[in-house]
Amino acid sequence: MKARVTVTLKSGVLDPQGQAIVGSLTSLGFEGINGVRQGKVFDVNLAETDPDKAKALLNDMCEKLLANTVIENYAVELLD
């Protein structure tokens, strides 16, 4: 089963990388950018075929490794 995990910073958490991206885009001539928030995307291939078990497994992965839940949110999406 294929899945996608998207990890983003919680609102209110400073995003220096996003601010650097805004600066770079502006210096390249892109106008009207009000902000950028960066994140991470993980594409995971699982042997698990049961959707409920797969989501539980992915949530466990996020809680233990893929996301820092103090400052990040995550979303799990099954692609199959």
N, C-alpha and C. Protein backbone atom coordinates (compact mmCIF):
# COMPACT_ATOMS: atom_id res chain seq x y z
N MET A 1 0.85 -1.16 0.00
CA MET A 1 0.00 0.00 0.00
C MET A 1 0.90 1.23 0.00
N LYS A 2 0.54 2.19 -0.84
CA LYS A 2 1.30 3.44 -0.91
C LYS A 2 0.60 4.50 -0.08
N ALA A 3 1.42 5.33 0.57
CA ALA A 3 0.88 6.39 1.41
C ALA A 3 1.77 7.62 1.30
N ARG A 4 1.17 8.76 1.60
CA ARG A 4 1.92 10.01 1.63
C ARG A 4 1.68 10.67 2.98
N VAL A 5 2.79 11.06 3.62
CA VAL A 5 2.73 11.77 4.89
C VAL A 5 3.26 13.18 4.63
N THR A 6 2.45 14.18 4.98
CA THR A 6 2.85 15.58 4.83
C THR A 6 3.03 16.18 6.21
N VAL A 7 4.20 16.75 6.44
CA VAL A 7 4.53 17.34 7.74
C VAL A 7 4.74 18.84 7.53
N THR A 8 4.04 19.66 8.33
CA THR A 8 4.15 21.10 8.23
C THR A 8 4.33 21.70 9.63
N LEU A 9 4.91 22.87 9.66
CA LEU A 9 5.06 23.56 10.94
C LEU A 9 3.70 24.05 11.43
N LYS A 10 3.50 23.99 12.72
CA LYS A 10 2.26 24.52 13.30
C LYS A 10 2.24 26.03 13.12
N SER A 11 1.03 26.59 13.02
CA SER A 11 0.93 28.03 12.91
C SER A 11 1.50 28.65 14.18
N GLY A 12 2.17 29.76 14.03
CA GLY A 12 2.79 30.42 15.17
C GLY A 12 4.24 30.03 15.37
N VAL A 13 4.68 28.94 14.74
CA VAL A 13 6.08 28.53 14.83
C VAL A 13 6.85 29.27 13.74
N LEU A 14 7.93 29.94 14.11
CA LEU A 14 8.74 30.67 13.14
C LEU A 14 9.31 29.72 12.10
N ASP A 15 9.39 30.20 10.87
CA ASP A 15 9.87 29.39 9.76
C ASP A 15 10.98 30.14 9.03
N PRO A 16 12.22 30.09 9.55
CA PRO A 16 13.31 30.82 8.91
C PRO A 16 13.60 30.35 7.48
N GLN A 17 13.41 29.06 7.21
CA GLN A 17 13.64 28.57 5.85
C GLN A 17 12.59 29.15 4.90
N GLY A 18 11.35 29.22 5.34
CA GLY A 18 10.31 29.84 4.53
C GLY A 18 10.61 31.30 4.26
N GLN A 19 11.11 32.00 5.27
CA GLN A 19 11.47 33.41 5.08
C GLN A 19 12.62 33.56 4.09
N ALA A 20 13.59 32.65 4.13
CA ALA A 20 14.70 32.68 3.19
C ALA A 20 14.21 32.42 1.77
N ILE A 21 13.23 31.53 1.63
CA ILE A 21 12.67 31.25 0.31
C ILE A 21 11.97 32.49 -0.25
N VAL A 22 11.22 33.19 0.60
CA VAL A 22 10.57 34.43 0.17
C VAL A 22 11.62 35.42 -0.32
N GLY A 23 12.70 35.58 0.43
CA GLY A 23 13.76 36.50 0.02
C GLY A 23 14.38 36.11 -1.32
N SER A 24 14.61 34.83 -1.50
CA SER A 24 15.21 34.35 -2.76
C SER A 24 14.25 34.54 -3.93
N LEU A 25 12.98 34.22 -3.73
CA LEU A 25 12.01 34.41 -4.81
C LEU A 25 11.88 35.88 -5.19
N THR A 26 11.89 36.75 -4.18
CA THR A 26 11.80 38.18 -4.44
C THR A 26 13.01 38.66 -5.23
N SER A 27 14.20 38.17 -4.85
CA SER A 27 15.42 38.58 -5.57
C SER A 27 15.45 38.04 -7.00
N LEU A 28 14.69 36.99 -7.26
CA LEU A 28 14.59 36.45 -8.62
C LEU A 28 13.53 37.17 -9.44
N GLY A 29 12.86 38.14 -8.84
CA GLY A 29 11.89 38.93 -9.58
C GLY A 29 10.44 38.53 -9.38
N PHE A 30 10.17 37.57 -8.54
CA PHE A 30 8.78 37.19 -8.26
C PHE A 30 8.18 38.18 -7.28
N GLU A 31 7.02 38.70 -7.61
CA GLU A 31 6.39 39.74 -6.78
C GLU A 31 5.11 39.21 -6.14
N GLY A 32 4.68 39.89 -5.10
CA GLY A 32 3.39 39.60 -4.48
C GLY A 32 3.38 38.36 -3.60
N ILE A 33 4.53 37.95 -3.12
CA ILE A 33 4.60 36.78 -2.24
C ILE A 33 4.41 37.26 -0.81
N ASN A 34 3.34 36.83 -0.18
CA ASN A 34 3.04 37.25 1.19
C ASN A 34 3.66 36.33 2.24
N GLY A 35 4.13 35.18 1.83
CA GLY A 35 4.75 34.27 2.78
C GLY A 35 4.90 32.88 2.20
N VAL A 36 5.83 32.13 2.74
CA VAL A 36 6.06 30.74 2.37
C VAL A 36 6.26 29.96 3.66
N ARG A 37 5.62 28.81 3.76
CA ARG A 37 5.85 27.89 4.87
C ARG A 37 6.39 26.60 4.25
N GLN A 38 7.52 26.16 4.69
CA GLN A 38 8.11 24.94 4.16
C GLN A 38 7.64 23.73 4.95
N GLY A 39 7.76 22.57 4.35
CA GLY A 39 7.37 21.34 5.02
C GLY A 39 8.12 20.16 4.44
N LYS A 40 7.66 18.97 4.78
CA LYS A 40 8.28 17.74 4.31
C LYS A 40 7.19 16.81 3.80
N VAL A 41 7.53 16.02 2.78
CA VAL A 41 6.61 15.01 2.27
C VAL A 41 7.36 13.68 2.24
N PHE A 42 6.72 12.65 2.79
CA PHE A 42 7.29 11.30 2.79
C PHE A 42 6.34 10.40 2.00
N ASP A 43 6.84 9.74 0.97
CA ASP A 43 6.08 8.71 0.27
C ASP A 43 6.55 7.37 0.83
N VAL A 44 5.61 6.61 1.38
CA VAL A 44 5.93 5.37 2.08
C VAL A 44 5.22 4.21 1.40
N ASN A 45 5.95 3.15 1.12
CA ASN A 45 5.38 1.91 0.59
C ASN A 45 5.31 0.90 1.72
N LEU A 46 4.11 0.45 2.00
CA LEU A 46 3.89 -0.49 3.10
C LEU A 46 3.46 -1.86 2.57
N ALA A 47 3.84 -2.90 3.28
CA ALA A 47 3.36 -4.24 2.96
C ALA A 47 1.93 -4.43 3.46
N GLU A 48 1.52 -3.64 4.44
CA GLU A 48 0.18 -3.73 5.02
C GLU A 48 -0.88 -3.43 3.97
N THR A 49 -1.94 -4.26 3.94
CA THR A 49 -3.02 -4.07 2.96
C THR A 49 -4.31 -3.56 3.60
N ASP A 50 -4.43 -3.65 4.90
CA ASP A 50 -5.62 -3.16 5.59
C ASP A 50 -5.48 -1.65 5.81
N PRO A 51 -6.40 -0.83 5.27
CA PRO A 51 -6.27 0.63 5.38
C PRO A 51 -6.23 1.13 6.83
N ASP A 52 -7.05 0.57 7.70
CA ASP A 52 -7.06 1.01 9.10
C ASP A 52 -5.74 0.70 9.79
N LYS A 53 -5.20 -0.48 9.55
CA LYS A 53 -3.91 -0.84 10.14
C LYS A 53 -2.79 0.00 9.55
N ALA A 54 -2.86 0.29 8.26
CA ALA A 54 -1.84 1.11 7.61
C ALA A 54 -1.83 2.52 8.20
N LYS A 55 -3.02 3.10 8.37
CA LYS A 55 -3.09 4.45 8.95
C LYS A 55 -2.56 4.45 10.38
N ALA A 56 -2.89 3.44 11.15
CA ALA A 56 -2.40 3.35 12.52
C ALA A 56 -0.87 3.24 12.53
N LEU A 57 -0.33 2.44 11.64
CA LEU A 57 1.12 2.28 11.54
C LEU A 57 1.79 3.59 11.15
N LEU A 58 1.22 4.29 10.17
CA LEU A 58 1.78 5.57 9.74
C LEU A 58 1.69 6.63 10.83
N ASN A 59 0.57 6.68 11.53
CA ASN A 59 0.45 7.62 12.65
C ASN A 59 1.51 7.34 13.71
N ASP A 60 1.76 6.07 13.98
CA ASP A 60 2.78 5.69 14.95
C ASP A 60 4.17 6.14 14.47
N MET A 61 4.44 5.97 13.16
CA MET A 61 5.71 6.42 12.59
C MET A 61 5.89 7.93 12.76
N CYS A 62 4.81 8.66 12.52
CA CYS A 62 4.87 10.12 12.65
C CYS A 62 5.13 10.54 14.09
N GLU A 63 4.42 9.91 15.00
CA GLU A 63 4.57 10.26 16.42
C GLU A 63 5.96 9.95 16.95
N LYS A 64 6.60 8.91 16.39
CA LYS A 64 7.89 8.46 16.91
C LYS A 64 9.09 9.01 16.15
N LEU A 65 8.91 9.38 14.84
CA LEU A 65 10.09 9.76 14.07
C LEU A 65 9.84 10.85 13.03
N LEU A 66 8.83 10.70 12.21
CA LEU A 66 8.70 11.56 11.04
C LEU A 66 8.34 13.01 11.36
N ALA A 67 7.64 13.24 12.46
CA ALA A 67 7.24 14.60 12.82
C ALA A 67 7.64 14.91 14.26
N ASN A 68 8.03 16.14 14.47
CA ASN A 68 8.24 16.63 15.83
C ASN A 68 6.92 17.25 16.24
N THR A 69 6.10 16.49 16.93
CA THR A 69 4.72 16.91 17.20
C THR A 69 4.60 18.11 18.13
N VAL A 70 5.70 18.54 18.72
CA VAL A 70 5.68 19.75 19.53
C VAL A 70 5.51 20.97 18.62
N ILE A 71 6.18 20.95 17.46
CA ILE A 71 6.14 22.12 16.57
C ILE A 71 5.57 21.81 15.18
N GLU A 72 5.25 20.54 14.90
CA GLU A 72 4.79 20.17 13.56
C GLU A 72 3.46 19.43 13.61
N ASN A 73 2.67 19.63 12.56
CA ASN A 73 1.46 18.84 12.30
C ASN A 73 1.78 17.85 11.20
N TYR A 74 1.00 16.79 11.13
CA TYR A 74 1.18 15.85 10.02
C TYR A 74 -0.18 15.37 9.54
N ALA A 75 -0.20 14.97 8.26
CA ALA A 75 -1.40 14.41 7.65
C ALA A 75 -1.01 13.15 6.91
N VAL A 76 -1.81 12.11 7.06
CA VAL A 76 -1.57 10.83 6.42
C VAL A 76 -2.62 10.61 5.34
N GLU A 77 -2.15 10.23 4.15
CA GLU A 77 -3.05 9.99 3.02
C GLU A 77 -2.69 8.65 2.39
N LEU A 78 -3.65 7.75 2.29
CA LEU A 78 -3.44 6.49 1.60
C LEU A 78 -3.67 6.71 0.11
N LEU A 79 -2.76 6.25 -0.72
CA LEU A 79 -2.82 6.52 -2.16
C LEU A 79 -3.42 5.36 -2.95
N ASP A 80 -3.47 4.19 -2.39
CA ASP A 80 -4.03 3.03 -3.10
C ASP A 80 -5.53 3.00 -2.94
